[in-house]
Amino acid sequence: MYESAAGVQVFGYVIILVAGLACVAGLIWAFRLGSKVRRREPGPPRPDEQPTMPPSGPVHEVQERREPDEVPRAADNSERLTPHQLGNVGTKRADDQQRSRWSPGSSGSFGGGGGGQT
């Protein structure tokens, strides 16, 4: 009775050992495959291949006021507009590019705690 119980326990240890060896073999295979793929890839760019600044100098961001663009109307009310007829931008450049200024005496924002206009 004791011999059969010991045989089952040894069988479990053997299965764990085989599974561990399979995992190690899989990791070694994956590492070798990765190193082969990396050897085939081109090397890092040389200093003369690096990006350079344009001759006109650095590009700066542009600030502009935008306003909603009107949705075009179909020629016939029964006709449906397709996405390419609507365009891809929902705003357009505003005619008046003056920034709106804060007026003294008005609260800065809703719930800002200011006294508001008096």
PDB file of N, CA and C in Angstrom:
ATOM      1  N   MET A   1       0.832  -1.183   0.000  1.00  0.00           N
ATOM      2  CA  MET A   1       0.000   0.000   0.000  1.00  0.00           C
ATOM      3  C   MET A   1       0.878   1.248   0.000  1.00  0.00           C
ATOM      4  N   TYR A   2       1.965   1.249   0.760  1.00  0.00           N
ATOM      5  CA  TYR A   2       2.837   2.415   0.822  1.00  0.00           C
ATOM      6  C   TYR A   2       3.604   2.611  -0.481  1.00  0.00           C
ATOM      7  N   GLU A   3       3.933   1.497  -1.137  1.00  0.00           N
ATOM      8  CA  GLU A   3       4.683   1.593  -2.382  1.00  0.00           C
ATOM      9  C   GLU A   3       3.841   2.223  -3.486  1.00  0.00           C
ATOM     10  N   SER A   4       2.577   1.912  -3.558  1.00  0.00           N
ATOM     11  CA  SER A   4       1.726   2.489  -4.611  1.00  0.00           C
ATOM     12  C   SER A   4       1.497   3.981  -4.368  1.00  0.00           C
ATOM     13  N   ALA A   5       1.371   4.395  -3.127  1.00  0.00           N
ATOM     14  CA  ALA A   5       1.204   5.817  -2.817  1.00  0.00           C
ATOM     15  C   ALA A   5       2.460   6.593  -3.163  1.00  0.00           C
ATOM     16  N   ALA A   6       3.627   6.027  -2.904  1.00  0.00           N
ATOM     17  CA  ALA A   6       4.889   6.688  -3.241  1.00  0.00           C
ATOM     18  C   ALA A   6       5.041   6.788  -4.744  1.00  0.00           C
ATOM     19  N   GLY A   7       4.560   5.800  -5.511  1.00  0.00           N
ATOM     20  CA  GLY A   7       4.653   5.822  -6.978  1.00  0.00           C
ATOM     21  C   GLY A   7       3.837   6.953  -7.576  1.00  0.00           C
ATOM     22  N   VAL A   8       2.648   7.210  -7.046  1.00  0.00           N
ATOM     23  CA  VAL A   8       1.792   8.298  -7.534  1.00  0.00           C
ATOM     24  C   VAL A   8       2.435   9.650  -7.230  1.00  0.00           C
ATOM     25  N   GLN A   9       3.046   9.772  -6.058  1.00  0.00           N
ATOM     26  CA  GLN A   9       3.686  11.026  -5.674  1.00  0.00           C
ATOM     27  C   GLN A   9       4.897  11.299  -6.572  1.00  0.00           C
ATOM     28  N   VAL A  10       5.670  10.283  -6.870  1.00  0.00           N
ATOM     29  CA  VAL A  10       6.831  10.437  -7.754  1.00  0.00           C
ATOM     30  C   VAL A  10       6.368  10.814  -9.153  1.00  0.00           C
ATOM     31  N   PHE A  11       5.262  10.226  -9.611  1.00  0.00           N
ATOM     32  CA  PHE A  11       4.717  10.546 -10.929  1.00  0.00           C
ATOM     33  C   PHE A  11       4.348  12.039 -11.011  1.00  0.00           C
ATOM     34  N   GLY A  12       3.790  12.603  -9.950  1.00  0.00           N
ATOM     35  CA  GLY A  12       3.453  14.039  -9.924  1.00  0.00           C
ATOM     36  C   GLY A  12       4.697  14.907 -10.010  1.00  0.00           C
ATOM     37  N   TYR A  13       5.747  14.506  -9.299  1.00  0.00           N
ATOM     38  CA  TYR A  13       7.004  15.265  -9.353  1.00  0.00           C
ATOM     39  C   TYR A  13       7.618  15.219 -10.751  1.00  0.00           C
ATOM     40  N   VAL A  14       7.509  14.066 -11.406  1.00  0.00           N
ATOM     41  CA  VAL A  14       8.051  13.921 -12.763  1.00  0.00           C
ATOM     42  C   VAL A  14       7.289  14.823 -13.723  1.00  0.00           C
ATOM     43  N   ILE A  15       5.986  14.903 -13.590  1.00  0.00           N
ATOM     44  CA  ILE A  15       5.177  15.771 -14.464  1.00  0.00           C
ATOM     45  C   ILE A  15       5.569  17.239 -14.256  1.00  0.00           C
ATOM     46  N   ILE A  16       5.757  17.635 -13.007  1.00  0.00           N
ATOM     47  CA  ILE A  16       6.159  19.021 -12.725  1.00  0.00           C
ATOM     48  C   ILE A  16       7.538  19.307 -13.322  1.00  0.00           C
ATOM     49  N   LEU A  17       8.447  18.350 -13.207  1.00  0.00           N
ATOM     50  CA  LEU A  17       9.798  18.511 -13.769  1.00  0.00           C
ATOM     51  C   LEU A  17       9.742  18.634 -15.292  1.00  0.00           C
ATOM     52  N   VAL A  18       8.949  17.808 -15.954  1.00  0.00           N
ATOM     53  CA  VAL A  18       8.830  17.856 -17.416  1.00  0.00           C
ATOM     54  C   VAL A  18       8.201  19.179 -17.856  1.00  0.00           C
ATOM     55  N   ALA A  19       7.175  19.637 -17.134  1.00  0.00           N
ATOM     56  CA  ALA A  19       6.544  20.914 -17.479  1.00  0.00           C
ATOM     57  C   ALA A  19       7.531  22.065 -17.303  1.00  0.00           C
ATOM     58  N   GLY A  20       8.345  22.045 -16.258  1.00  0.00           N
ATOM     59  CA  GLY A  20       9.346  23.087 -16.043  1.00  0.00           C
ATOM     60  C   GLY A  20      10.392  23.098 -17.139  1.00  0.00           C
ATOM     61  N   LEU A  21      10.859  21.897 -17.543  1.00  0.00           N
ATOM     62  CA  LEU A  21      11.835  21.816 -18.631  1.00  0.00           C
ATOM     63  C   LEU A  21      11.237  22.322 -19.952  1.00  0.00           C
ATOM     64  N   ALA A  22       9.945  22.044 -20.184  1.00  0.00           N
ATOM     65  CA  ALA A  22       9.284  22.534 -21.403  1.00  0.00           C
ATOM     66  C   ALA A  22       9.213  24.064 -21.388  1.00  0.00           C
ATOM     67  N   CYS A  23       8.928  24.651 -20.241  1.00  0.00           N
ATOM     68  CA  CYS A  23       8.884  26.118 -20.136  1.00  0.00           C
ATOM     69  C   CYS A  23      10.258  26.723 -20.386  1.00  0.00           C
ATOM     70  N   VAL A  24      11.291  26.146 -19.814  1.00  0.00           N
ATOM     71  CA  VAL A  24      12.655  26.648 -20.014  1.00  0.00           C
ATOM     72  C   VAL A  24      13.041  26.531 -21.489  1.00  0.00           C
ATOM     73  N   ALA A  25      12.718  25.388 -22.116  1.00  0.00           N
ATOM     74  CA  ALA A  25      13.028  25.204 -23.534  1.00  0.00           C
ATOM     75  C   ALA A  25      12.283  26.236 -24.384  1.00  0.00           C
ATOM     76  N   GLY A  26      11.024  26.527 -24.044  1.00  0.00           N
ATOM     77  CA  GLY A  26      10.258  27.547 -24.778  1.00  0.00           C
ATOM     78  C   GLY A  26      10.864  28.927 -24.632  1.00  0.00           C
ATOM     79  N   LEU A  27      11.329  29.272 -23.447  1.00  0.00           N
ATOM     80  CA  LEU A  27      11.955  30.582 -23.236  1.00  0.00           C
ATOM     81  C   LEU A  27      13.269  30.702 -24.007  1.00  0.00           C
ATOM     82  N   ILE A  28      14.062  29.635 -24.016  1.00  0.00           N
ATOM     83  CA  ILE A  28      15.322  29.662 -24.776  1.00  0.00           C
ATOM     84  C   ILE A  28      15.029  29.805 -26.263  1.00  0.00           C
ATOM     85  N   TRP A  29      14.029  29.081 -26.777  1.00  0.00           N
ATOM     86  CA  TRP A  29      13.655  29.188 -28.193  1.00  0.00           C
ATOM     87  C   TRP A  29      13.197  30.604 -28.522  1.00  0.00           C
ATOM     88  N   ALA A  30      12.367  31.208 -27.665  1.00  0.00           N
ATOM     89  CA  ALA A  30      11.874  32.567 -27.919  1.00  0.00           C
ATOM     90  C   ALA A  30      13.020  33.573 -27.897  1.00  0.00           C
ATOM     91  N   PHE A  31      13.958  33.419 -26.990  1.00  0.00           N
ATOM     92  CA  PHE A  31      15.106  34.326 -26.930  1.00  0.00           C
ATOM     93  C   PHE A  31      15.946  34.220 -28.196  1.00  0.00           C
ATOM     94  N   ARG A  32      16.207  32.997 -28.664  1.00  0.00           N
ATOM     95  CA  ARG A  32      17.003  32.812 -29.887  1.00  0.00           C
ATOM     96  C   ARG A  32      16.275  33.374 -31.094  1.00  0.00           C
ATOM     97  N   LEU A  33      14.963  33.161 -31.180  1.00  0.00           N
ATOM     98  CA  LEU A  33      14.186  33.706 -32.292  1.00  0.00           C
ATOM     99  C   LEU A  33      14.230  35.232 -32.276  1.00  0.00           C
ATOM    100  N   GLY A  34      14.084  35.842 -31.105  1.00  0.00           N
ATOM    101  CA  GLY A  34      14.136  37.298 -30.993  1.00  0.00           C
ATOM    102  C   GLY A  34      15.483  37.856 -31.392  1.00  0.00           C
ATOM    103  N   SER A  35      16.557  37.175 -31.020  1.00  0.00           N
ATOM    104  CA  SER A  35      17.874  37.680 -31.395  1.00  0.00           C
ATOM    105  C   SER A  35      18.108  37.544 -32.895  1.00  0.00           C
ATOM    106  N   LYS A  36      17.565  36.499 -33.539  1.00  0.00           N
ATOM    107  CA  LYS A  36      17.672  36.368 -34.997  1.00  0.00           C
ATOM    108  C   LYS A  36      16.935  37.505 -35.694  1.00  0.00           C
ATOM    109  N   VAL A  37      15.732  37.805 -35.227  1.00  0.00           N
ATOM    110  CA  VAL A  37      14.943  38.878 -35.833  1.00  0.00           C
ATOM    111  C   VAL A  37      15.651  40.210 -35.648  1.00  0.00           C
ATOM    112  N   ARG A  38      16.219  40.430 -34.484  1.00  0.00           N
ATOM    113  CA  ARG A  38      16.897  41.699 -34.223  1.00  0.00           C
ATOM    114  C   ARG A  38      18.142  41.858 -35.093  1.00  0.00           C
ATOM    115  N   ARG A  39      18.846  40.770 -35.380  1.00  0.00           N
ATOM    116  CA  ARG A  39      20.026  40.849 -36.244  1.00  0.00           C
ATOM    117  C   ARG A  39      19.651  41.253 -37.663  1.00  0.00           C
ATOM    118  N   ARG A  40      18.436  40.868 -38.107  1.00  0.00           N
ATOM    119  CA  ARG A  40      17.995  41.212 -39.464  1.00  0.00           C
ATOM    120  C   ARG A  40      17.528  42.651 -39.582  1.00  0.00           C
ATOM    121  N   GLU A  41      17.173  43.308 -38.482  1.00  0.00           N
ATOM    122  CA  GLU A  41      16.681  44.684 -38.523  1.00  0.00           C
ATOM    123  C   GLU A  41      17.824  45.650 -38.804  1.00  0.00           C
ATOM    124  N   PRO A  42      17.494  46.790 -39.439  1.00  0.00           N
ATOM    125  CA  PRO A  42      18.548  47.787 -39.677  1.00  0.00           C
ATOM    126  C   PRO A  42      19.004  48.409 -38.360  1.00  0.00           C
ATOM    127  N   GLY A  43      20.243  48.894 -38.357  1.00  0.00           N
ATOM    128  CA  GLY A  43      20.795  49.507 -37.157  1.00  0.00           C
ATOM    129  C   GLY A  43      20.204  50.892 -36.912  1.00  0.00           C
ATOM    130  N   PRO A  44      20.596  51.531 -35.825  1.00  0.00           N
ATOM    131  CA  PRO A  44      20.094  52.875 -35.539  1.00  0.00           C
ATOM    132  C   PRO A  44      20.612  53.869 -36.578  1.00  0.00           C
ATOM    133  N   PRO A  45      19.886  54.959 -36.801  1.00  0.00           N
ATOM    134  CA  PRO A  45      20.311  55.925 -37.815  1.00  0.00           C
ATOM    135  C   PRO A  45      21.623  56.606 -37.426  1.00  0.00           C
ATOM    136  N   ARG A  46      22.417  56.911 -38.449  1.00  0.00           N
ATOM    137  CA  ARG A  46      23.673  57.621 -38.235  1.00  0.00           C
ATOM    138  C   ARG A  46      23.370  59.084 -37.944  1.00  0.00           C
ATOM    139  N   PRO A  47      24.340  59.839 -37.432  1.00  0.00           N
ATOM    140  CA  PRO A  47      24.088  61.250 -37.120  1.00  0.00           C
ATOM    141  C   PRO A  47      23.655  62.075 -38.342  1.00  0.00           C
ATOM    142  N   ASP A  48      24.178  61.756 -39.535  1.00  0.00           N
ATOM    143  CA  ASP A  48      23.775  62.530 -40.708  1.00  0.00           C
ATOM    144  C   ASP A  48      22.377  62.155 -41.192  1.00  0.00           C
ATOM    145  N   GLU A  49      21.789  61.057 -40.692  1.00  0.00           N
ATOM    146  CA  GLU A  49      20.439  60.658 -41.068  1.00  0.00           C
ATOM    147  C   GLU A  49      19.383  61.167 -40.076  1.00  0.00           C
ATOM    148  N   GLN A  50      19.810  61.858 -39.047  1.00  0.00           N
ATOM    149  CA  GLN A  50      18.878  62.370 -38.044  1.00  0.00           C
ATOM    150  C   GLN A  50      18.061  63.531 -38.638  1.00  0.00           C
ATOM    151  N   PRO A  51      16.850  63.769 -38.116  1.00  0.00           N
ATOM    152  CA  PRO A  51      16.045  64.884 -38.600  1.00  0.00           C
ATOM    153  C   PRO A  51      16.740  66.221 -38.337  1.00  0.00           C
ATOM    154  N   THR A  52      16.552  67.163 -39.232  1.00  0.00           N
ATOM    155  CA  THR A  52      17.157  68.487 -39.085  1.00  0.00           C
ATOM    156  C   THR A  52      16.075  69.551 -39.083  1.00  0.00           C
ATOM    157  N   MET A  53      16.417  70.726 -38.592  1.00  0.00           N
ATOM    158  CA  MET A  53      15.490  71.843 -38.558  1.00  0.00           C
ATOM    159  C   MET A  53      15.302  72.390 -39.984  1.00  0.00           C
ATOM    160  N   PRO A  54      14.089  72.790 -40.348  1.00  0.00           N
ATOM    161  CA  PRO A  54      13.890  73.355 -41.682  1.00  0.00           C
ATOM    162  C   PRO A  54      14.691  74.643 -41.856  1.00  0.00           C
ATOM    163  N   PRO A  55      15.034  75.001 -43.095  1.00  0.00           N
ATOM    164  CA  PRO A  55      15.828  76.213 -43.334  1.00  0.00           C
ATOM    165  C   PRO A  55      15.135  77.483 -42.836  1.00  0.00           C
ATOM    166  N   SER A  56      13.808  77.472 -42.793  1.00  0.00           N
ATOM    167  CA  SER A  56      13.077  78.670 -42.359  1.00  0.00           C
ATOM    168  C   SER A  56      13.093  78.839 -40.843  1.00  0.00           C
ATOM    169  N   GLY A  57      13.634  77.883 -40.118  1.00  0.00           N
ATOM    170  CA  GLY A  57      13.681  77.975 -38.660  1.00  0.00           C
ATOM    171  C   GLY A  57      12.635  77.094 -38.022  1.00  0.00           C
ATOM    172  N   PRO A  58      12.520  77.161 -36.700  1.00  0.00           N
ATOM    173  CA  PRO A  58      11.553  76.305 -36.008  1.00  0.00           C
ATOM    174  C   PRO A  58      10.119  76.716 -36.327  1.00  0.00           C
ATOM    175  N   VAL A  59       9.264  75.732 -36.297  1.00  0.00           N
ATOM    176  CA  VAL A  59       7.851  75.969 -36.561  1.00  0.00           C
ATOM    177  C   VAL A  59       7.181  76.317 -35.240  1.00  0.00           C
ATOM    178  N   HIS A  60       6.412  77.396 -35.224  1.00  0.00           N
ATOM    179  CA  HIS A  60       5.733  77.830 -34.008  1.00  0.00           C
ATOM    180  C   HIS A  60       4.245  77.533 -34.121  1.00  0.00           C
ATOM    181  N   GLU A  61       3.605  77.430 -32.967  1.00  0.00           N
ATOM    182  CA  GLU A  61       2.170  77.177 -32.998  1.00  0.00           C
ATOM    183  C   GLU A  61       1.423  78.452 -33.345  1.00  0.00           C
ATOM    184  N   VAL A  62       0.240  78.288 -33.921  1.00  0.00           N
ATOM    185  CA  VAL A  62      -0.586  79.410 -34.332  1.00  0.00           C
ATOM    186  C   VAL A  62      -1.820  79.421 -33.451  1.00  0.00           C
ATOM    187  N   GLN A  63      -2.145  80.593 -32.924  1.00  0.00           N
ATOM    188  CA  GLN A  63      -3.366  80.722 -32.139  1.00  0.00           C
ATOM    189  C   GLN A  63      -4.368  81.519 -32.961  1.00  0.00           C
ATOM    190  N   GLU A  64      -5.571  80.983 -33.064  1.00  0.00           N
ATOM    191  CA  GLU A  64      -6.618  81.678 -33.800  1.00  0.00           C
ATOM    192  C   GLU A  64      -7.959  81.339 -33.181  1.00  0.00           C
ATOM    193  N   ARG A  65      -8.890  82.231 -33.378  1.00  0.00           N
ATOM    194  CA  ARG A  65     -10.251  81.978 -32.907  1.00  0.00           C
ATOM    195  C   ARG A  65     -10.983  81.182 -33.962  1.00  0.00           C
ATOM    196  N   ARG A  66     -11.762  80.204 -33.501  1.00  0.00           N
ATOM    197  CA  ARG A  66     -12.538  79.363 -34.405  1.00  0.00           C
ATOM    198  C   ARG A  66     -14.012  79.571 -34.098  1.00  0.00           C
ATOM    199  N   GLU A  67     -14.854  79.378 -35.091  1.00  0.00           N
ATOM    200  CA  GLU A  67     -16.297  79.446 -34.893  1.00  0.00           C
ATOM    201  C   GLU A  67     -16.941  78.256 -35.584  1.00  0.00           C
ATOM    202  N   PRO A  68     -18.137  77.877 -35.161  1.00  0.00           N
ATOM    203  CA  PRO A  68     -18.771  76.696 -35.758  1.00  0.00           C
ATOM    204  C   PRO A  68     -19.038  76.902 -37.244  1.00  0.00           C
ATOM    205  N   ASP A  69     -18.854  75.850 -37.986  1.00  0.00           N
ATOM    206  CA  ASP A  69     -19.130  75.880 -39.415  1.00  0.00           C
ATOM    207  C   ASP A  69     -20.554  75.386 -39.624  1.00  0.00           C
ATOM    208  N   GLU A  70     -21.283  76.066 -40.474  1.00  0.00           N
ATOM    209  CA  GLU A  70     -22.671  75.675 -40.730  1.00  0.00           C
ATOM    210  C   GLU A  70     -22.719  74.374 -41.515  1.00  0.00           C
ATOM    211  N   VAL A  71     -23.709  73.549 -41.217  1.00  0.00           N
ATOM    212  CA  VAL A  71     -23.904  72.306 -41.948  1.00  0.00           C
ATOM    213  C   VAL A  71     -24.544  72.658 -43.282  1.00  0.00           C
ATOM    214  N   PRO A  72     -23.977  72.191 -44.395  1.00  0.00           N
ATOM    215  CA  PRO A  72     -24.562  72.531 -45.697  1.00  0.00           C
ATOM    216  C   PRO A  72     -25.939  71.898 -45.852  1.00  0.00           C
ATOM    217  N   ARG A  73     -26.786  72.595 -46.548  1.00  0.00           N
ATOM    218  CA  ARG A  73     -28.142  72.103 -46.808  1.00  0.00           C
ATOM    219  C   ARG A  73     -28.165  71.375 -48.145  1.00  0.00           C
ATOM    220  N   ALA A  74     -28.972  70.337 -48.221  1.00  0.00           N
ATOM    221  CA  ALA A  74     -29.123  69.607 -49.472  1.00  0.00           C
ATOM    222  C   ALA A  74     -29.934  70.456 -50.447  1.00  0.00           C
ATOM    223  N   ALA A  75     -29.688  70.262 -51.743  1.00  0.00           N
ATOM    224  CA  ALA A  75     -30.402  71.037 -52.762  1.00  0.00           C
ATOM    225  C   ALA A  75     -31.888  70.727 -52.709  1.00  0.00           C
ATOM    226  N   ASP A  76     -32.205  69.490 -52.517  1.00  0.00           N
ATOM    227  CA  ASP A  76     -33.593  69.060 -52.419  1.00  0.00           C
ATOM    228  C   ASP A  76     -33.786  68.500 -51.012  1.00  0.00           C
ATOM    229  N   ASN A  77     -34.876  68.841 -50.349  1.00  0.00           N
ATOM    230  CA  ASN A  77     -35.080  68.400 -48.970  1.00  0.00           C
ATOM    231  C   ASN A  77     -35.160  66.882 -48.836  1.00  0.00           C
ATOM    232  N   SER A  78     -35.505  66.171 -49.915  1.00  0.00           N
ATOM    233  CA  SER A  78     -35.590  64.715 -49.832  1.00  0.00           C
ATOM    234  C   SER A  78     -34.215  64.069 -50.029  1.00  0.00           C
ATOM    235  N   GLU A  79     -33.249  64.824 -50.515  1.00  0.00           N
ATOM    236  CA  GLU A  79     -31.912  64.279 -50.753  1.00  0.00           C
ATOM    237  C   GLU A  79     -31.144  64.218 -49.436  1.00  0.00           C
ATOM    238  N   ARG A  80     -30.365  63.149 -49.256  1.00  0.00           N
ATOM    239  CA  ARG A  80     -29.553  63.004 -48.055  1.00  0.00           C
ATOM    240  C   ARG A  80     -28.112  63.360 -48.383  1.00  0.00           C
ATOM    241  N   LEU A  81     -27.453  64.034 -47.437  1.00  0.00           N
ATOM    242  CA  LEU A  81     -26.046  64.366 -47.613  1.00  0.00           C
ATOM    243  C   LEU A  81     -25.173  63.201 -47.169  1.00  0.00           C
ATOM    244  N   THR A  82     -24.110  62.968 -47.885  1.00  0.00           N
ATOM    245  CA  THR A  82     -23.163  61.922 -47.525  1.00  0.00           C
ATOM    246  C   THR A  82     -22.012  62.538 -46.743  1.00  0.00           C
ATOM    247  N   PRO A  83     -21.226  61.746 -46.028  1.00  0.00           N
ATOM    248  CA  PRO A  83     -20.144  62.304 -45.206  1.00  0.00           C
ATOM    249  C   PRO A  83     -19.142  63.142 -45.995  1.00  0.00           C
ATOM    250  N   HIS A  84     -18.812  62.765 -47.237  1.00  0.00           N
ATOM    251  CA  HIS A  84     -17.832  63.563 -47.970  1.00  0.00           C
ATOM    252  C   HIS A  84     -18.395  64.920 -48.401  1.00  0.00           C
ATOM    253  N   GLN A  85     -19.715  65.076 -48.407  1.00  0.00           N
ATOM    254  CA  GLN A  85     -20.307  66.377 -48.707  1.00  0.00           C
ATOM    255  C   GLN A  85     -20.302  67.290 -47.478  1.00  0.00           C
ATOM    256  N   LEU A  86     -20.220  66.712 -46.281  1.00  0.00           N
ATOM    257  CA  LEU A  86     -20.232  67.517 -45.062  1.00  0.00           C
ATOM    258  C   LEU A  86     -18.868  68.120 -44.758  1.00  0.00           C
ATOM    259  N   GLY A  87     -17.793  67.487 -45.174  1.00  0.00           N
ATOM    260  CA  GLY A  87     -16.461  67.978 -44.846  1.00  0.00           C
ATOM    261  C   GLY A  87     -15.972  67.322 -43.565  1.00  0.00           C
ATOM    262  N   ASN A  88     -14.713  67.578 -43.222  1.00  0.00           N
ATOM    263  CA  ASN A  88     -14.148  66.877 -42.076  1.00  0.00           C
ATOM    264  C   ASN A  88     -13.887  67.777 -40.882  1.00  0.00           C
ATOM    265  N   VAL A  89     -14.112  69.070 -40.980  1.00  0.00           N
ATOM    266  CA  VAL A  89     -13.842  69.977 -39.875  1.00  0.00           C
ATOM    267  C   VAL A  89     -15.151  70.657 -39.484  1.00  0.00           C
ATOM    268  N   GLY A  90     -15.462  70.628 -38.200  1.00  0.00           N
ATOM    269  CA  GLY A  90     -16.701  71.234 -37.742  1.00  0.00           C
ATOM    270  C   GLY A  90     -16.577  72.709 -37.417  1.00  0.00           C
ATOM    271  N   THR A  91     -15.380  73.287 -37.573  1.00  0.00           N
ATOM    272  CA  THR A  91     -15.190  74.698 -37.290  1.00  0.00           C
ATOM    273  C   THR A  91     -14.471  75.365 -38.446  1.00  0.00           C
ATOM    274  N   LYS A  92     -14.530  76.688 -38.479  1.00  0.00           N
ATOM    275  CA  LYS A  92     -13.802  77.459 -39.481  1.00  0.00           C
ATOM    276  C   LYS A  92     -13.139  78.639 -38.794  1.00  0.00           C
ATOM    277  N   ARG A  93     -12.212  79.273 -39.475  1.00  0.00           N
ATOM    278  CA  ARG A  93     -11.491  80.413 -38.916  1.00  0.00           C
ATOM    279  C   ARG A  93     -12.462  81.585 -38.785  1.00  0.00           C
ATOM    280  N   ALA A  94     -12.482  82.218 -37.628  1.00  0.00           N
ATOM    281  CA  ALA A  94     -13.392  83.332 -37.394  1.00  0.00           C
ATOM    282  C   ALA A  94     -12.921  84.558 -38.166  1.00  0.00           C
ATOM    283  N   ASP A  95     -13.872  85.357 -38.633  1.00  0.00           N
ATOM    284  CA  ASP A  95     -13.525  86.591 -39.345  1.00  0.00           C
ATOM    285  C   ASP A  95     -12.865  87.585 -38.402  1.00  0.00           C
ATOM    286  N   ASP A  96     -13.402  87.684 -37.178  1.00  0.00           N
ATOM    287  CA  ASP A  96     -12.856  88.608 -36.191  1.00  0.00           C
ATOM    288  C   ASP A  96     -11.854  87.842 -35.328  1.00  0.00           C
ATOM    289  N   GLN A  97     -10.579  88.181 -35.431  1.00  0.00           N
ATOM    290  CA  GLN A  97      -9.546  87.471 -34.679  1.00  0.00           C
ATOM    291  C   GLN A  97      -9.172  88.176 -33.378  1.00  0.00           C
ATOM    292  N   GLN A  98      -9.934  89.177 -32.972  1.00  0.00           N
ATOM    293  CA  GLN A  98      -9.670  89.867 -31.714  1.00  0.00           C
ATOM    294  C   GLN A  98     -10.044  88.952 -30.553  1.00  0.00           C
ATOM    295  N   ARG A  99      -9.149  88.848 -29.582  1.00  0.00           N
ATOM    296  CA  ARG A  99      -9.430  88.035 -28.408  1.00  0.00           C
ATOM    297  C   ARG A  99     -10.458  88.731 -27.535  1.00  0.00           C
ATOM    298  N   SER A 100     -11.385  87.951 -26.991  1.00  0.00           N
ATOM    299  CA  SER A 100     -12.344  88.544 -26.054  1.00  0.00           C
ATOM    300  C   SER A 100     -11.613  88.793 -24.739  1.00  0.00           C
ATOM    301  N   ARG A 101     -11.807  89.948 -24.179  1.00  0.00           N
ATOM    302  CA  ARG A 101     -11.107  90.348 -22.968  1.00  0.00           C
ATOM    303  C   ARG A 101     -12.018  90.246 -21.765  1.00  0.00           C
ATOM    304  N   TRP A 102     -11.387  90.088 -20.609  1.00  0.00           N
ATOM    305  CA  TRP A 102     -12.122  90.044 -19.362  1.00  0.00           C
ATOM    306  C   TRP A 102     -12.526  91.459 -19.005  1.00  0.00           C
ATOM    307  N   SER A 103     -13.788  91.625 -18.675  1.00  0.00           N
ATOM    308  CA  SER A 103     -14.236  92.958 -18.296  1.00  0.00           C
ATOM    309  C   SER A 103     -14.257  93.070 -16.784  1.00  0.00           C
ATOM    310  N   PRO A 104     -13.631  94.104 -16.236  1.00  0.00           N
ATOM    311  CA  PRO A 104     -13.619  94.256 -14.789  1.00  0.00           C
ATOM    312  C   PRO A 104     -15.043  94.418 -14.260  1.00  0.00           C
ATOM    313  N   GLY A 105     -15.295  93.826 -13.122  1.00  0.00           N
ATOM    314  CA  GLY A 105     -16.617  93.920 -12.516  1.00  0.00           C
ATOM    315  C   GLY A 105     -17.481  92.717 -12.822  1.00  0.00           C
ATOM    316  N   SER A 106     -17.062  91.897 -13.754  1.00  0.00           N
ATOM    317  CA  SER A 106     -17.835  90.684 -14.024  1.00  0.00           C
ATOM    318  C   SER A 106     -17.119  89.517 -13.354  1.00  0.00           C
ATOM    319  N   SER A 107     -17.900  88.521 -12.970  1.00  0.00           N
ATOM    320  CA  SER A 107     -17.258  87.378 -12.320  1.00  0.00           C
ATOM    321  C   SER A 107     -16.465  86.602 -13.362  1.00  0.00           C
ATOM    322  N   GLY A 108     -15.412  85.960 -12.902  1.00  0.00           N
ATOM    323  CA  GLY A 108     -14.537  85.260 -13.828  1.00  0.00           C
ATOM    324  C   GLY A 108     -15.162  84.008 -14.405  1.00  0.00           C
ATOM    325  N   SER A 109     -15.927  83.287 -13.609  1.00  0.00           N
ATOM    326  CA  SER A 109     -16.537  82.062 -14.093  1.00  0.00           C
ATOM    327  C   SER A 109     -17.767  81.772 -13.266  1.00  0.00           C
ATOM    328  N   PHE A 110     -18.557  80.841 -13.719  1.00  0.00           N
ATOM    329  CA  PHE A 110     -19.742  80.451 -12.976  1.00  0.00           C
ATOM    330  C   PHE A 110     -19.313  79.815 -11.669  1.00  0.00           C
ATOM    331  N   GLY A 111     -19.794  80.320 -10.581  1.00  0.00           N
ATOM    332  CA  GLY A 111     -19.454  79.764  -9.287  1.00  0.00           C
ATOM    333  C   GLY A 111     -18.055  80.154  -8.822  1.00  0.00           C
ATOM    334  N   GLY A 112     -17.472  81.170  -9.450  1.00  0.00           N
ATOM    335  CA  GLY A 112     -16.121  81.566  -9.098  1.00  0.00           C
ATOM    336  C   GLY A 112     -16.045  82.294  -7.780  1.00  0.00           C
ATOM    337  N   GLY A 113     -17.164  82.649  -7.191  1.00  0.00           N
ATOM    338  CA  GLY A 113     -17.157  83.285  -5.888  1.00  0.00           C
ATOM    339  C   GLY A 113     -17.075  84.794  -5.947  1.00  0.00           C
ATOM    340  N   GLY A 114     -16.977  85.355  -7.144  1.00  0.00           N
ATOM    341  CA  GLY A 114     -16.906  86.807  -7.258  1.00  0.00           C
ATOM    342  C   GLY A 114     -18.253  87.450  -7.000  1.00  0.00           C
ATOM    343  N   GLY A 115     -18.229  88.764  -6.811  1.00  0.00           N
ATOM    344  CA  GLY A 115     -19.474  89.472  -6.541  1.00  0.00           C
ATOM    345  C   GLY A 115     -20.334  89.666  -7.762  1.00  0.00           C
ATOM    346  N   GLY A 116     -19.803  89.449  -8.947  1.00  0.00           N
ATOM    347  CA  GLY A 116     -20.563  89.669 -10.161  1.00  0.00           C
ATOM    348  C   GLY A 116     -20.656  91.139 -10.471  1.00  0.00           C
ATOM    349  N   GLN A 117     -21.451  91.490 -11.464  1.00  0.00           N
ATOM    350  CA  GLN A 117     -21.593  92.901 -11.829  1.00  0.00           C
ATOM    351  C   GLN A 117     -22.484  93.582 -10.820  1.00  0.00           C
ATOM    352  N   THR A 118     -22.066  94.770 -10.397  1.00  0.00           N
ATOM    353  CA  THR A 118     -22.870  95.524  -9.427  1.00  0.00           C
ATOM    354  C   THR A 118     -23.213  96.876  -9.971  1.00  0.00           C
TER     355      THR A 118
END
